[in-house]
Amino acid sequence: MEESEFNALAEAELARIEAALEDCGADIDIEPKPGGVLEIEFANGTKMIINRHSAAREIWVAAKSGGFHFRPDGGRWIAARDGAELYALLSELVGEQSGTRVTLSAG
């Protein structure tokens, strides 16, 4: 996949992630940053960073519990480490950091 194709795919996914987070019901502040970065701050002061990594052709998630890398696979984003699906894992991570049970989906 060409870098420009990946960047367009990742930007669209980051926009879906932002929309899903805005609607999830958790007490969070979402700050889009230049270069394909979403910074999420939780009411308890912790943060989560979600960004595209063009060189690796991945979306990276840095959460309190660790870092995760996702690659596009058949219309979904799958974790390189264990095969977890992006929205399922984000639901767990946001729930852990916010203390609110959430279910995120690509919409």
N, C-alpha and C. Protein backbone atom coordinates (compact mmCIF):
# COMPACT_ATOMS: atom_id res chain seq x y z
N MET A 1 0.85 -1.18 0.00
CA MET A 1 0.00 0.00 0.00
C MET A 1 0.89 1.24 0.00
N GLU A 2 0.59 2.15 -0.91
CA GLU A 2 1.33 3.40 -0.99
C GLU A 2 1.06 4.26 0.26
N GLU A 3 2.02 5.11 0.61
CA GLU A 3 1.88 5.95 1.80
C GLU A 3 0.67 6.86 1.69
N SER A 4 0.43 7.46 0.53
CA SER A 4 -0.71 8.36 0.38
C SER A 4 -2.03 7.61 0.56
N GLU A 5 -2.10 6.40 0.06
CA GLU A 5 -3.31 5.57 0.22
C GLU A 5 -3.52 5.22 1.70
N PHE A 6 -2.42 4.84 2.38
CA PHE A 6 -2.52 4.54 3.80
C PHE A 6 -2.96 5.78 4.59
N ASN A 7 -2.36 6.93 4.31
CA ASN A 7 -2.70 8.14 5.05
C ASN A 7 -4.18 8.49 4.91
N ALA A 8 -4.73 8.35 3.71
CA ALA A 8 -6.15 8.62 3.50
C ALA A 8 -7.00 7.62 4.28
N LEU A 9 -6.63 6.36 4.25
CA LEU A 9 -7.35 5.32 4.99
C LEU A 9 -7.29 5.58 6.49
N ALA A 10 -6.10 5.91 6.99
CA ALA A 10 -5.92 6.15 8.42
C ALA A 10 -6.65 7.41 8.87
N GLU A 11 -6.62 8.47 8.06
CA GLU A 11 -7.32 9.70 8.43
C GLU A 11 -8.82 9.46 8.54
N ALA A 12 -9.37 8.70 7.61
CA ALA A 12 -10.80 8.38 7.67
C ALA A 12 -11.11 7.57 8.93
N GLU A 13 -10.23 6.63 9.28
CA GLU A 13 -10.45 5.82 10.47
C GLU A 13 -10.32 6.66 11.73
N LEU A 14 -9.37 7.56 11.77
CA LEU A 14 -9.22 8.43 12.94
C LEU A 14 -10.45 9.31 13.12
N ALA A 15 -11.05 9.76 12.03
CA ALA A 15 -12.28 10.55 12.12
C ALA A 15 -13.42 9.69 12.69
N ARG A 16 -13.50 8.42 12.29
CA ARG A 16 -14.52 7.51 12.84
C ARG A 16 -14.27 7.25 14.33
N ILE A 17 -13.01 7.08 14.69
CA ILE A 17 -12.66 6.86 16.09
C ILE A 17 -13.07 8.09 16.92
N GLU A 18 -12.75 9.27 16.42
CA GLU A 18 -13.11 10.50 17.14
C GLU A 18 -14.62 10.58 17.34
N ALA A 19 -15.39 10.31 16.30
CA ALA A 19 -16.85 10.35 16.39
C ALA A 19 -17.36 9.32 17.40
N ALA A 20 -16.79 8.11 17.37
CA ALA A 20 -17.20 7.06 18.31
C ALA A 20 -16.89 7.47 19.74
N LEU A 21 -15.72 8.08 19.96
CA LEU A 21 -15.35 8.52 21.30
C LEU A 21 -16.26 9.64 21.79
N GLU A 22 -16.62 10.56 20.90
CA GLU A 22 -17.50 11.67 21.29
C GLU A 22 -18.86 11.16 21.74
N ASP A 23 -19.30 10.04 21.19
CA ASP A 23 -20.63 9.49 21.49
C ASP A 23 -20.62 8.39 22.54
N CYS A 24 -19.48 8.09 23.15
CA CYS A 24 -19.38 6.90 24.00
C CYS A 24 -19.92 7.10 25.42
N GLY A 25 -20.12 8.33 25.86
CA GLY A 25 -20.66 8.57 27.20
C GLY A 25 -19.64 8.71 28.30
N ALA A 26 -18.37 8.48 28.01
CA ALA A 26 -17.32 8.64 29.01
C ALA A 26 -16.97 10.12 29.15
N ASP A 27 -16.47 10.51 30.33
CA ASP A 27 -16.06 11.88 30.59
C ASP A 27 -14.65 12.07 30.06
N ILE A 28 -14.55 12.43 28.77
CA ILE A 28 -13.25 12.58 28.12
C ILE A 28 -13.23 13.86 27.29
N ASP A 29 -12.02 14.34 27.06
CA ASP A 29 -11.80 15.49 26.19
C ASP A 29 -10.93 15.00 25.04
N ILE A 30 -11.40 15.20 23.80
CA ILE A 30 -10.69 14.72 22.62
C ILE A 30 -10.10 15.91 21.90
N GLU A 31 -8.80 15.86 21.66
CA GLU A 31 -8.11 16.95 21.00
C GLU A 31 -7.39 16.42 19.76
N PRO A 32 -7.94 16.70 18.56
CA PRO A 32 -7.22 16.31 17.33
C PRO A 32 -5.98 17.19 17.18
N LYS A 33 -4.87 16.58 16.83
CA LYS A 33 -3.61 17.29 16.65
C LYS A 33 -3.16 17.11 15.20
N PRO A 34 -2.31 18.00 14.71
CA PRO A 34 -1.80 17.86 13.35
C PRO A 34 -1.05 16.54 13.16
N GLY A 35 -1.06 16.04 11.94
CA GLY A 35 -0.28 14.85 11.62
C GLY A 35 -0.98 13.55 11.94
N GLY A 36 -2.29 13.58 12.10
CA GLY A 36 -3.01 12.33 12.34
C GLY A 36 -2.91 11.83 13.77
N VAL A 37 -3.12 12.72 14.73
CA VAL A 37 -3.02 12.37 16.15
C VAL A 37 -4.31 12.77 16.87
N LEU A 38 -4.82 11.86 17.69
CA LEU A 38 -5.92 12.17 18.61
C LEU A 38 -5.38 12.03 20.02
N GLU A 39 -5.52 13.09 20.81
CA GLU A 39 -5.12 13.05 22.21
C GLU A 39 -6.40 13.04 23.04
N ILE A 40 -6.55 12.01 23.86
CA ILE A 40 -7.74 11.88 24.69
C ILE A 40 -7.32 12.06 26.14
N GLU A 41 -7.98 13.00 26.83
CA GLU A 41 -7.71 13.21 28.25
C GLU A 41 -8.95 12.80 29.03
N PHE A 42 -8.72 12.02 30.08
CA PHE A 42 -9.79 11.51 30.92
C PHE A 42 -9.95 12.39 32.15
N ALA A 43 -11.11 12.32 32.78
CA ALA A 43 -11.41 13.14 33.96
C ALA A 43 -10.40 12.92 35.08
N ASN A 44 -9.81 11.72 35.14
CA ASN A 44 -8.84 11.40 36.19
C ASN A 44 -7.43 11.89 35.85
N GLY A 45 -7.28 12.61 34.73
CA GLY A 45 -5.99 13.18 34.36
C GLY A 45 -5.13 12.30 33.48
N THR A 46 -5.52 11.04 33.26
CA THR A 46 -4.72 10.18 32.39
C THR A 46 -5.01 10.53 30.94
N LYS A 47 -4.11 10.10 30.06
CA LYS A 47 -4.25 10.39 28.64
C LYS A 47 -4.11 9.11 27.82
N MET A 48 -4.62 9.19 26.61
CA MET A 48 -4.45 8.15 25.61
C MET A 48 -4.15 8.88 24.31
N ILE A 49 -3.21 8.34 23.55
CA ILE A 49 -2.85 8.91 22.26
C ILE A 49 -3.15 7.86 21.19
N ILE A 50 -3.85 8.29 20.15
CA ILE A 50 -4.12 7.43 19.00
C ILE A 50 -3.57 8.17 17.79
N ASN A 51 -2.69 7.53 17.03
CA ASN A 51 -2.10 8.20 15.89
C ASN A 51 -1.82 7.24 14.75
N ARG A 52 -1.69 7.82 13.57
CA ARG A 52 -1.27 7.01 12.43
C ARG A 52 0.25 6.99 12.40
N HIS A 53 0.80 5.88 11.98
CA HIS A 53 2.24 5.76 11.80
C HIS A 53 2.46 5.34 10.37
N SER A 54 2.74 6.33 9.52
CA SER A 54 2.80 6.11 8.08
C SER A 54 3.89 5.12 7.67
N ALA A 55 5.07 5.23 8.28
CA ALA A 55 6.17 4.35 7.88
C ALA A 55 5.83 2.88 8.11
N ALA A 56 5.15 2.59 9.22
CA ALA A 56 4.79 1.20 9.54
C ALA A 56 3.44 0.82 8.95
N ARG A 57 2.70 1.80 8.40
CA ARG A 57 1.34 1.58 7.86
C ARG A 57 0.43 1.01 8.95
N GLU A 58 0.46 1.66 10.11
CA GLU A 58 -0.31 1.21 11.27
C GLU A 58 -0.96 2.40 11.97
N ILE A 59 -2.00 2.11 12.75
CA ILE A 59 -2.54 3.05 13.72
C ILE A 59 -2.03 2.58 15.07
N TRP A 60 -1.44 3.50 15.81
CA TRP A 60 -0.88 3.17 17.12
C TRP A 60 -1.76 3.75 18.21
N VAL A 61 -1.91 3.00 19.30
CA VAL A 61 -2.65 3.44 20.48
C VAL A 61 -1.71 3.34 21.67
N ALA A 62 -1.52 4.46 22.37
CA ALA A 62 -0.74 4.48 23.61
C ALA A 62 -1.72 4.77 24.74
N ALA A 63 -1.92 3.77 25.59
CA ALA A 63 -2.86 3.87 26.70
C ALA A 63 -2.12 3.64 28.01
N LYS A 64 -2.80 3.88 29.10
CA LYS A 64 -2.20 3.67 30.42
C LYS A 64 -1.68 2.24 30.58
N SER A 65 -2.39 1.28 29.99
CA SER A 65 -2.01 -0.13 30.13
C SER A 65 -1.01 -0.62 29.09
N GLY A 66 -0.62 0.24 28.14
CA GLY A 66 0.40 -0.19 27.18
C GLY A 66 0.18 0.38 25.80
N GLY A 67 1.01 -0.10 24.86
CA GLY A 67 0.94 0.36 23.48
C GLY A 67 0.46 -0.75 22.57
N PHE A 68 -0.27 -0.37 21.52
CA PHE A 68 -0.87 -1.33 20.61
C PHE A 68 -0.75 -0.81 19.18
N HIS A 69 -0.50 -1.71 18.25
CA HIS A 69 -0.34 -1.35 16.84
C HIS A 69 -1.37 -2.12 16.01
N PHE A 70 -2.05 -1.42 15.11
CA PHE A 70 -3.13 -2.01 14.31
C PHE A 70 -2.85 -1.80 12.83
N ARG A 71 -3.08 -2.86 12.06
CA ARG A 71 -2.91 -2.82 10.60
C ARG A 71 -4.25 -3.04 9.92
N PRO A 72 -4.44 -2.40 8.76
CA PRO A 72 -5.69 -2.63 8.02
C PRO A 72 -5.72 -4.05 7.48
N ASP A 73 -6.88 -4.68 7.61
CA ASP A 73 -7.04 -6.06 7.16
C ASP A 73 -8.51 -6.30 6.79
N GLY A 74 -8.79 -6.30 5.52
CA GLY A 74 -10.15 -6.59 5.07
C GLY A 74 -11.21 -5.63 5.58
N GLY A 75 -10.88 -4.35 5.65
CA GLY A 75 -11.85 -3.35 6.10
C GLY A 75 -11.88 -3.15 7.61
N ARG A 76 -11.08 -3.89 8.34
CA ARG A 76 -10.98 -3.74 9.80
C ARG A 76 -9.53 -3.43 10.14
N TRP A 77 -9.30 -2.99 11.36
CA TRP A 77 -7.95 -2.74 11.86
C TRP A 77 -7.67 -3.79 12.94
N ILE A 78 -6.61 -4.56 12.73
CA ILE A 78 -6.31 -5.71 13.58
C ILE A 78 -4.95 -5.52 14.26
N ALA A 79 -4.88 -5.85 15.55
CA ALA A 79 -3.64 -5.71 16.32
C ALA A 79 -2.59 -6.69 15.82
N ALA A 80 -1.40 -6.17 15.59
CA ALA A 80 -0.29 -6.99 15.12
C ALA A 80 0.10 -8.04 16.16
N ARG A 81 -0.04 -7.71 17.42
CA ARG A 81 0.42 -8.59 18.50
C ARG A 81 -0.49 -9.80 18.71
N ASP A 82 -1.81 -9.57 18.77
CA ASP A 82 -2.68 -10.67 19.19
C ASP A 82 -3.95 -10.83 18.35
N GLY A 83 -4.09 -10.04 17.29
CA GLY A 83 -5.26 -10.17 16.43
C GLY A 83 -6.51 -9.49 16.93
N ALA A 84 -6.40 -8.68 18.00
CA ALA A 84 -7.56 -7.97 18.54
C ALA A 84 -8.03 -6.93 17.52
N GLU A 85 -9.35 -6.69 17.50
CA GLU A 85 -9.93 -5.69 16.62
C GLU A 85 -9.87 -4.32 17.30
N LEU A 86 -9.58 -3.29 16.53
CA LEU A 86 -9.34 -1.95 17.05
C LEU A 86 -10.46 -1.45 17.98
N TYR A 87 -11.71 -1.49 17.53
CA TYR A 87 -12.79 -0.92 18.33
C TYR A 87 -13.08 -1.75 19.59
N ALA A 88 -12.92 -3.06 19.50
CA ALA A 88 -13.11 -3.89 20.69
C ALA A 88 -12.06 -3.55 21.74
N LEU A 89 -10.81 -3.41 21.32
CA LEU A 89 -9.76 -3.09 22.28
C LEU A 89 -9.90 -1.66 22.79
N LEU A 90 -10.24 -0.72 21.91
CA LEU A 90 -10.45 0.66 22.37
C LEU A 90 -11.57 0.73 23.40
N SER A 91 -12.62 -0.06 23.21
CA SER A 91 -13.72 -0.09 24.19
C SER A 91 -13.18 -0.49 25.56
N GLU A 92 -12.34 -1.52 25.59
CA GLU A 92 -11.75 -1.96 26.86
C GLU A 92 -10.85 -0.89 27.46
N LEU A 93 -9.97 -0.33 26.62
CA LEU A 93 -9.00 0.65 27.13
C LEU A 93 -9.68 1.92 27.63
N VAL A 94 -10.64 2.43 26.88
CA VAL A 94 -11.36 3.64 27.31
C VAL A 94 -12.16 3.34 28.58
N GLY A 95 -12.76 2.16 28.65
CA GLY A 95 -13.48 1.76 29.86
C GLY A 95 -12.57 1.70 31.07
N GLU A 96 -11.39 1.11 30.91
CA GLU A 96 -10.43 1.02 32.01
C GLU A 96 -10.01 2.40 32.50
N GLN A 97 -9.67 3.29 31.56
CA GLN A 97 -9.15 4.59 31.95
C GLN A 97 -10.23 5.54 32.44
N SER A 98 -11.43 5.38 31.94
CA SER A 98 -12.51 6.30 32.33
C SER A 98 -13.32 5.81 33.51
N GLY A 99 -13.28 4.50 33.76
CA GLY A 99 -14.12 3.93 34.80
C GLY A 99 -15.57 3.82 34.38
N THR A 100 -15.82 3.98 33.08
CA THR A 100 -17.16 3.90 32.51
C THR A 100 -17.18 2.80 31.47
N ARG A 101 -18.15 1.92 31.54
CA ARG A 101 -18.25 0.88 30.53
C ARG A 101 -18.70 1.51 29.21
N VAL A 102 -17.91 1.28 28.14
CA VAL A 102 -18.24 1.84 26.84
C VAL A 102 -18.16 0.75 25.77
N THR A 103 -18.92 0.95 24.72
CA THR A 103 -18.83 0.08 23.55
C THR A 103 -18.67 0.97 22.35
N LEU A 104 -17.50 0.90 21.74
CA LEU A 104 -17.22 1.72 20.57
C LEU A 104 -17.39 0.90 19.31
N SER A 105 -17.87 1.54 18.26
CA SER A 105 -17.97 0.87 16.97
C SER A 105 -17.66 1.88 15.87
N ALA A 106 -17.35 1.36 14.71
CA ALA A 106 -16.98 2.22 13.58
C ALA A 106 -18.15 3.01 13.04
N GLY A 107 -19.34 2.76 13.57
CA GLY A 107 -20.50 3.54 13.20
C GLY A 107 -21.14 2.98 12.00
